[in-house]
Protein backbone atom coordinates (compact mmCIF):
# COMPACT_ATOMS: atom_id res chain seq x y z
CA UNK A 1 81.44 62.34 135.29
CA UNK A 2 81.85 65.88 134.00
CA UNK A 3 83.97 67.08 131.17
CA UNK A 4 87.34 66.78 131.94
CA UNK A 5 90.12 69.42 130.65
CA UNK A 6 93.28 71.06 131.59
CA UNK A 7 91.52 73.69 133.71
CA UNK A 8 90.54 70.82 135.85
CA UNK A 9 93.97 70.68 137.58
CA UNK A 10 92.05 73.78 139.31
CA UNK A 11 90.28 72.36 142.78
CA UNK A 12 86.93 73.54 142.34
CA UNK A 13 86.75 73.02 138.78
CA UNK A 14 87.85 69.07 139.62
CA UNK A 15 85.45 69.18 141.88
CA UNK A 16 82.85 70.54 139.38
CA UNK A 17 83.78 67.64 136.96
CA UNK A 18 83.48 64.85 139.51
CA UNK A 19 79.88 66.09 140.19
CA UNK A 20 79.14 66.08 136.71
CA UNK A 21 79.25 69.42 135.86
CA UNK A 22 81.46 71.51 133.46
CA UNK A 23 85.04 71.79 134.82
CA UNK A 24 84.80 75.72 135.40
CA UNK A 25 86.82 77.36 138.40
CA UNK A 26 84.24 78.41 140.88
CA UNK A 27 84.68 81.96 143.25
CA UNK A 28 86.03 81.57 146.56
CA UNK A 29 85.16 81.62 149.64
CA UNK A 30 83.42 79.11 150.20
CA UNK A 31 86.56 77.13 150.15
CA UNK A 32 86.54 73.40 149.31
CA UNK A 33 87.03 72.60 152.87
CA UNK A 34 83.93 74.05 153.93
CA UNK A 35 81.82 73.69 150.94
CA UNK A 36 83.52 70.60 148.35
CA UNK A 37 82.46 67.69 146.61
CA UNK A 38 78.41 67.63 146.84
CA UNK A 39 78.20 70.20 149.37
CA UNK A 40 80.19 68.17 151.63
CA UNK A 41 83.50 69.42 153.07
CA UNK A 42 86.41 68.06 150.95
CA UNK A 43 90.06 67.96 151.22
CA UNK A 44 91.73 67.95 147.57
CA UNK A 45 95.21 68.16 146.63
CA UNK A 46 96.83 67.83 143.48
CA UNK A 47 99.47 65.09 142.38
CA UNK A 48 102.41 67.61 142.56
CA UNK A 49 101.41 68.30 146.16
CA UNK A 50 101.39 64.29 147.18
CA UNK A 51 104.36 63.61 145.27
CA UNK A 52 106.05 65.81 147.78
CA UNK A 53 105.08 63.68 150.83
CA UNK A 54 106.94 60.46 150.18
CA UNK A 55 110.73 62.54 149.82
CA UNK A 56 109.89 64.94 152.91
CA UNK A 57 109.10 61.71 155.13
CA UNK A 58 112.21 59.86 153.91
CA UNK A 59 114.29 63.01 153.87
CA UNK A 60 113.00 65.29 156.48
CA UNK A 61 111.33 68.34 156.51
CA UNK A 62 114.61 70.30 157.01
CA UNK A 63 115.52 68.30 153.69
CA UNK A 64 112.92 70.03 151.38
CA UNK A 65 113.52 73.27 153.26
CA UNK A 66 117.03 73.96 151.63
CA UNK A 67 115.45 73.46 148.12
CA UNK A 68 114.04 76.72 146.16
CA UNK A 69 114.78 79.77 148.00
CA UNK A 70 113.97 81.22 151.62
CA UNK A 71 110.27 82.16 150.60
CA UNK A 72 109.56 80.06 148.16
CA UNK A 73 110.55 76.08 149.17
CA UNK A 74 110.51 73.13 147.66
CA UNK A 75 110.33 72.36 143.79
CA UNK A 76 107.97 72.95 140.87
CA UNK A 77 107.14 70.87 138.21
CA UNK A 78 106.43 72.65 134.74
CA UNK A 79 105.25 71.48 131.46
CA UNK A 80 107.68 72.51 128.51
CA UNK A 81 105.71 73.05 125.40
CA UNK A 82 105.55 75.30 122.31
CA UNK A 83 108.41 76.75 120.61
CA UNK A 84 111.09 75.11 122.62
CA UNK A 85 113.70 72.33 121.29
CA UNK A 86 112.94 69.95 124.29
CA UNK A 87 109.45 69.79 125.56
CA UNK A 88 108.15 67.61 128.25
CA UNK A 89 107.56 67.75 132.15
CA UNK A 90 110.60 68.98 134.41
CA UNK A 91 110.73 69.34 138.23
CA UNK A 92 113.04 72.07 139.42
CA UNK A 93 113.89 73.78 142.42
CA UNK A 94 111.33 77.20 143.12
CA UNK A 95 113.87 80.30 142.08
CA UNK A 96 115.55 78.99 139.28
CA UNK A 97 115.96 81.42 136.53
CA UNK A 98 113.63 81.21 133.87
CA UNK A 99 116.73 81.14 131.51
CA UNK A 100 118.01 78.27 132.70
CA UNK A 101 114.63 76.63 132.31
CA UNK A 102 114.42 77.77 128.68
CA UNK A 103 118.00 77.36 127.21
CA UNK A 104 119.57 74.93 129.70
CA UNK A 105 116.84 72.44 130.23
CA UNK A 106 114.70 73.41 127.01
CA UNK A 107 117.48 73.81 125.18
CA UNK A 108 116.33 77.31 123.63
CA UNK A 109 114.27 78.10 120.96
CA UNK A 110 114.03 76.48 117.40
CA UNK A 111 116.78 77.99 115.07
CA UNK A 112 118.37 80.25 117.36
CA UNK A 113 115.23 82.53 117.87
CA UNK A 114 114.52 84.83 120.72
CA UNK A 115 112.11 84.03 123.29
CA UNK A 116 109.53 86.69 122.48
CA UNK A 117 107.11 85.99 125.77
CA UNK A 118 106.69 83.01 128.18
CA UNK A 119 103.23 81.96 129.07
CA UNK A 120 102.91 80.57 132.73
CA UNK A 121 100.22 79.33 135.06
CA UNK A 122 97.85 77.62 132.79
CA UNK A 123 94.75 78.66 131.55
CA UNK A 124 94.74 81.43 134.34
CA UNK A 125 98.03 82.53 133.81
CA UNK A 126 99.61 85.34 132.49
CA UNK A 127 102.36 86.22 130.01
CA UNK A 128 105.62 87.66 131.16
CA UNK A 129 107.49 89.73 128.33
CA UNK A 130 110.97 89.09 127.19
CA UNK A 131 112.57 91.60 128.63
CA UNK A 132 111.51 90.14 132.23
CA UNK A 133 111.32 86.58 131.02
CA UNK A 134 115.14 85.65 131.74
CA UNK A 135 115.54 87.49 135.12
CA UNK A 136 115.65 85.52 138.33
CA UNK A 137 112.59 86.57 140.57
CA UNK A 138 112.29 85.50 144.51
CA UNK A 139 109.29 83.23 143.64
CA UNK A 140 110.29 82.38 140.11
CA UNK A 141 107.62 84.88 139.23
CA UNK A 142 107.74 88.36 138.22
CA UNK A 143 104.90 90.18 140.85
CA UNK A 144 101.53 89.66 139.72
CA UNK A 145 102.38 87.08 137.14
CA UNK A 146 100.79 83.66 138.12
CA UNK A 147 102.66 80.75 138.53
CA UNK A 148 100.34 77.72 138.93
CA UNK A 149 96.76 78.20 138.84
CA UNK A 150 94.23 75.72 136.82
CA UNK A 151 96.61 73.50 135.21
């Protein structure tokens, strides 16, 4: 197996790692469904996607569609790390205000300090400066800020 890393959460980086290469994302197209593992068409999903299958089958698609927002259905898993009181993994409905994630679930910033910025989306993500960070956005992330890439 190739070198694994946080970035191997991105599908093409994971394929490269399984092939024994450096786990680095590649430009698309071609997409893995056309040219994937060992040059063959490949269906690849992450654990978060697979974890949604059983609850959807058990509770139905209508139930799942009620979670989140009109444009962003379902839930999202986040890793809370850095200068936050409660670190760890959380799963929240899409559309939840970042303020709730940081202060209600994460317990805020140690010592009562204010948020300076929030980094989202793994190694290819972006930073949301404080003035935007605690407002709700339709898809949880402001326009132009990646929410879930590479990790």
